[in-house]
C-alpha atoms as a PDB file:
ATOM      1  CA  MET A   1     -14.015   5.126  -6.543  1.00  0.00           C
ATOM      2  CA  MET A   2     -14.170   4.606  -2.710  1.00  0.00           C
ATOM      3  CA  GLY A   3     -10.658   6.100  -2.261  1.00  0.00           C
ATOM      4  CA  ARG A   4     -11.588   9.290  -4.544  1.00  0.00           C
ATOM      5  CA  ARG A   5     -14.840   9.746  -2.318  1.00  0.00           C
ATOM      6  CA  THR A   6     -12.879   9.376   0.751  1.00  0.00           C
ATOM      7  CA  ARG A   7     -10.354  11.841  -0.404  1.00  0.00           C
ATOM      8  CA  ASN A   8     -12.817  14.288  -1.457  1.00  0.00           C
ATOM      9  CA  PHE A   9     -14.662  14.181   1.844  1.00  0.00           C
ATOM     10  CA  MET A  10     -11.426  14.499   3.803  1.00  0.00           C
ATOM     11  CA  ILE A  11     -10.303  17.797   1.784  1.00  0.00           C
ATOM     12  CA  GLY A  12     -13.549  19.498   1.295  1.00  0.00           C
ATOM     13  CA  ASP A  13     -16.289  18.653   3.889  1.00  0.00           C
ATOM     14  CA  ASN A  14     -16.537  21.506   6.436  1.00  0.00           C
ATOM     15  CA  ASP A  15     -18.143  19.076   8.975  1.00  0.00           C
ATOM     16  CA  PHE A  16     -15.040  16.900   9.050  1.00  0.00           C
ATOM     17  CA  GLU A  17     -12.796  18.428  11.871  1.00  0.00           C
ATOM     18  CA  HIS A  18      -9.445  17.801  10.083  1.00  0.00           C
ATOM     19  CA  VAL A  19      -9.989  19.631   6.795  1.00  0.00           C
ATOM     20  CA  GLY A  20      -6.772  20.868   5.439  1.00  0.00           C
ATOM     21  CA  ASN A  21      -4.624  18.242   7.112  1.00  0.00           C
ATOM     22  CA  ARG A  22      -2.485  15.681   4.993  1.00  0.00           C
ATOM     23  CA  HIS A  23      -4.421  12.591   4.443  1.00  0.00           C
ATOM     24  CA  PHE A  24      -3.358   9.054   4.080  1.00  0.00           C
ATOM     25  CA  ILE A  25      -5.861   6.598   2.488  1.00  0.00           C
ATOM     26  CA  LEU A  26      -4.635   2.925   2.051  1.00  0.00           C
ATOM     27  CA  SER A  27      -6.560   0.497  -0.072  1.00  0.00           C
ATOM     28  CA  ARG A  28      -6.127  -3.009  -1.349  1.00  0.00           C
ATOM     29  CA  SER A  29      -8.729  -2.472  -4.182  1.00  0.00           C
ATOM     30  CA  THR A  30      -7.389  -0.232  -6.757  1.00  0.00           C
ATOM     31  CA  PHE A  31      -7.304   0.225 -10.356  1.00  0.00           C
ATOM     32  CA  PRO A  32      -4.996   2.161 -12.849  1.00  0.00           C
ATOM     33  CA  GLY A  33      -4.736   5.750 -12.025  1.00  0.00           C
ATOM     34  CA  SER A  34      -6.071   5.407  -8.449  1.00  0.00           C
ATOM     35  CA  GLY A  35      -2.819   6.575  -6.993  1.00  0.00           C
ATOM     36  CA  ARG A  36      -4.064  10.141  -7.406  1.00  0.00           C
ATOM     37  CA  PHE A  37      -6.325   9.571  -4.462  1.00  0.00           C
ATOM     38  CA  ASN A  38      -5.064   6.652  -2.276  1.00  0.00           C
ATOM     39  CA  SER A  39      -2.005   4.168  -1.774  1.00  0.00           C
ATOM     40  CA  HIS A  40      -2.066   0.627  -2.393  1.00  0.00           C
ATOM     41  CA  TRP A  41      -1.193  -2.265   0.036  1.00  0.00           C
ATOM     42  CA  LEU A  42      -0.275  -5.605  -1.586  1.00  0.00           C
ATOM     43  CA  GLY A  43      -1.986  -7.588   1.180  1.00  0.00           C
ATOM     44  CA  ASP A  44      -0.576 -10.376   3.550  1.00  0.00           C
ATOM     45  CA  ASN A  45       2.307 -12.392   2.423  1.00  0.00           C
ATOM     46  CA  TRP A  46       4.517 -15.209   3.701  1.00  0.00           C
ATOM     47  CA  ARG A  47       7.907 -15.028   5.207  1.00  0.00           C
ATOM     48  CA  SER A  48      10.172 -16.406   2.228  1.00  0.00           C
ATOM     49  CA  TRP A  49      12.520 -15.384  -0.289  1.00  0.00           C
ATOM     50  CA  ASP A  50      10.056 -16.174  -3.021  1.00  0.00           C
ATOM     51  CA  TYR A  51       7.450 -13.757  -1.590  1.00  0.00           C
ATOM     52  CA  LEU A  52      10.068 -11.045  -1.409  1.00  0.00           C
ATOM     53  CA  LYS A  53      10.714 -11.310  -5.069  1.00  0.00           C
ATOM     54  CA  LEU A  54       7.032 -11.448  -5.557  1.00  0.00           C
ATOM     55  CA  SER A  55       6.492  -8.213  -3.509  1.00  0.00           C
ATOM     56  CA  ILE A  56       9.173  -6.290  -5.592  1.00  0.00           C
ATOM     57  CA  ALA A  57       7.393  -7.372  -8.870  1.00  0.00           C
ATOM     58  CA  GLY A  58       4.067  -6.503  -7.307  1.00  0.00           C
ATOM     59  CA  ILE A  59       5.250  -2.884  -6.136  1.00  0.00           C
ATOM     60  CA  MET A  60       6.814  -2.143  -9.586  1.00  0.00           C
ATOM     61  CA  ASN A  61       3.773  -3.217 -11.419  1.00  0.00           C
ATOM     62  CA  MET A  62       1.619  -0.851  -9.146  1.00  0.00           C
ATOM     63  CA  ASN A  63       4.013   1.851 -10.038  1.00  0.00           C
ATOM     64  CA  MET A  64       3.515   1.310 -13.798  1.00  0.00           C
ATOM     65  CA  PHE A  65      -0.241   1.389 -13.274  1.00  0.00           C
ATOM     66  CA  GLY A  66      -0.076   4.808 -11.836  1.00  0.00           C
ATOM     67  CA  ILE A  67       0.049   4.043  -8.098  1.00  0.00           C
ATOM     68  CA  PRO A  68       3.435   5.429  -6.853  1.00  0.00           C
ATOM     69  CA  HIS A  69       2.872   4.696  -3.129  1.00  0.00           C
ATOM     70  CA  THR A  70       2.620   0.941  -2.666  1.00  0.00           C
ATOM     71  CA  GLY A  71       3.919  -1.364  -0.084  1.00  0.00           C
ATOM     72  CA  ALA A  72       3.934  -4.947   1.176  1.00  0.00           C
ATOM     73  CA  ASP A  73       4.314  -6.393   4.661  1.00  0.00           C
ATOM     74  CA  VAL A  74       8.134  -6.212   5.338  1.00  0.00           C
ATOM     75  CA  CYS A  75       9.347  -9.571   6.506  1.00  0.00           C
ATOM     76  CA  GLY A  76       6.090 -11.253   5.725  1.00  0.00           C
ATOM     77  CA  PHE A  77       3.059 -11.703   7.742  1.00  0.00           C
ATOM     78  CA  PHE A  78       2.392 -15.397   7.642  1.00  0.00           C
ATOM     79  CA  GLY A  79       4.909 -18.001   8.934  1.00  0.00           C
ATOM     80  CA  GLU A  80       6.623 -18.854  12.114  1.00  0.00           C
ATOM     81  CA  LYS A  81      10.275 -18.777  11.319  1.00  0.00           C
ATOM     82  CA  LYS A  82      11.925 -15.384  11.294  1.00  0.00           C
ATOM     83  CA  ASP A  83      14.855 -15.104   9.097  1.00  0.00           C
ATOM     84  CA  GLU A  84      16.911 -12.162  10.000  1.00  0.00           C
ATOM     85  CA  GLU A  85      18.875 -11.977   6.690  1.00  0.00           C
ATOM     86  CA  LEU A  86      15.433 -11.980   4.775  1.00  0.00           C
ATOM     87  CA  CYS A  87      14.069  -9.130   7.009  1.00  0.00           C
ATOM     88  CA  LEU A  88      17.256  -7.087   6.408  1.00  0.00           C
ATOM     89  CA  ARG A  89      17.131  -7.651   2.686  1.00  0.00           C
ATOM     90  CA  TRP A  90      13.146  -6.755   2.560  1.00  0.00           C
ATOM     91  CA  ILE A  91      13.836  -3.669   4.263  1.00  0.00           C
END
C-alpha cells in the first residue's frame, strides 16, 4: 500500500513539482499485484553461484506474482572474492 500511495502522490499531487514525469518506485516489501505501482528488489545477496541460481528463481517467482520489474544485486553484494565469470553470467 505504501507503493500505491507513493505513486498516487507522484502523479496526482499538484504541490509535487515533478507531476507528470515518469516515476520509479522501488520496494523490497511487496505483495501479489503490487507491480502495478512499484518495482521489487530481492535484497542483498552473496557472491556465489548458488545465489545466482536463487536470484533467477526469485525474479521468476515475482513475475508470476504480478511484479514484472524485479531485480537482484548483480555480482552479489556480500563477499570479498570477485569472480569475473560469475559476474558475466549474472549480467
